[in-house]
Amino acid sequence: MLTWDSTYAIALELRRQHPDADLEQVSLQQIYKWTLALSDFEDDPALANDDILSAIFQDWFEEMTWKITNSTCPATKSPMS
């Protein structure tokens, strides 16, 4: 079950459901609508506020940035002794 307190879990689910979303174009209103549409989301829509939606956005952004950064770094192998 997802609630507004589950910002990181919501961000992961939104990333999974909207893998091609351009975060520069995603508004807080869009995050709100997409969150309410999540099948596991079970909280009062009236409890949402800009701080919560911004936290979801930030978690999503950081996950995307981490994924991009780590997918472009070459794997390093240490020599076996």
Protein backbone atom coordinates (compact mmCIF):
# COMPACT_ATOMS: atom_id res chain seq x y z
CA MET A 1 0.00 0.00 0.00
CA LEU A 2 1.35 3.42 -0.98
CA THR A 3 0.60 6.61 0.93
CA TRP A 4 1.82 10.18 0.62
CA ASP A 5 4.55 9.28 3.15
CA SER A 6 5.93 6.73 0.64
CA THR A 7 7.55 9.29 -1.65
CA TYR A 8 10.47 7.06 -2.67
CA ALA A 9 8.25 4.04 -3.36
CA ILE A 10 5.86 6.23 -5.34
CA ALA A 11 8.78 7.63 -7.35
CA LEU A 12 9.99 4.11 -8.17
CA GLU A 13 6.53 3.05 -9.29
CA LEU A 14 6.06 6.18 -11.40
CA ARG A 15 9.45 5.57 -13.00
CA ARG A 16 8.40 2.00 -13.77
CA GLN A 17 5.04 3.03 -15.23
CA HIS A 18 6.32 6.08 -17.12
CA PRO A 19 9.85 5.11 -18.23
CA ASP A 20 9.93 7.59 -21.11
CA ALA A 21 8.66 10.58 -19.13
CA ASP A 22 10.74 13.72 -19.65
CA LEU A 23 11.10 14.98 -16.09
CA GLU A 24 11.77 18.50 -17.37
CA GLN A 25 8.22 18.45 -18.73
CA VAL A 26 6.48 16.70 -15.81
CA SER A 27 4.54 19.05 -13.55
CA LEU A 28 3.59 18.53 -9.93
CA GLN A 29 -0.02 18.30 -11.11
CA GLN A 30 0.95 15.44 -13.42
CA ILE A 31 2.74 13.67 -10.57
CA TYR A 32 -0.40 14.12 -8.46
CA LYS A 33 -2.64 12.61 -11.16
CA TRP A 34 -0.26 9.74 -11.89
CA THR A 35 0.11 8.96 -8.18
CA LEU A 36 -3.64 8.80 -7.65
CA ALA A 37 -3.86 6.40 -10.62
CA LEU A 38 -1.41 3.92 -9.05
CA SER A 39 -3.25 0.72 -8.16
CA ASP A 40 -1.42 0.43 -4.81
CA PHE A 41 -2.07 4.04 -3.78
CA GLU A 42 -4.46 4.25 -0.84
CA ASP A 43 -4.39 7.69 0.76
CA ASP A 44 -6.57 10.77 0.89
CA PRO A 45 -5.99 12.91 -2.22
CA ALA A 46 -6.70 16.01 -0.14
CA LEU A 47 -3.56 15.39 1.95
CA ALA A 48 -1.26 16.06 -1.01
CA ASN A 49 0.69 19.31 -1.05
CA ASP A 50 3.54 20.83 -3.02
CA ASP A 51 6.15 19.60 -0.51
CA ILE A 52 5.05 15.98 -0.89
CA LEU A 53 4.79 16.20 -4.68
CA SER A 54 8.19 17.90 -4.86
CA ALA A 55 9.69 15.11 -2.73
CA ILE A 56 8.27 12.51 -5.15
CA PHE A 57 9.71 14.47 -8.06
CA GLN A 58 13.11 14.75 -6.37
CA ASP A 59 13.21 11.03 -5.57
CA TRP A 60 12.28 10.21 -9.17
CA PHE A 61 14.86 12.66 -10.53
CA GLU A 62 17.60 11.24 -8.32
CA GLU A 63 16.74 7.69 -9.36
CA MET A 64 16.85 8.65 -13.04
CA THR A 65 20.15 10.51 -12.55
CA TRP A 66 21.66 7.58 -10.66
CA LYS A 67 20.49 5.15 -13.34
CA ILE A 68 21.94 7.27 -16.16
CA THR A 69 25.22 7.87 -14.33
CA ASN A 70 25.72 4.21 -13.48
CA SER A 71 24.68 2.89 -16.88
CA THR A 72 27.28 5.03 -18.67
CA CYS A 73 30.24 4.24 -16.40
CA PRO A 74 32.42 1.45 -17.70
CA ALA A 75 32.68 -1.58 -15.50
CA THR A 76 36.04 -1.91 -13.86
CA LYS A 77 37.63 -5.20 -13.10
CA SER A 78 40.44 -5.62 -10.67
CA PRO A 79 43.16 -8.06 -11.63
CA MET A 80 43.13 -11.36 -9.84
CA SER A 81 46.17 -12.08 -7.66
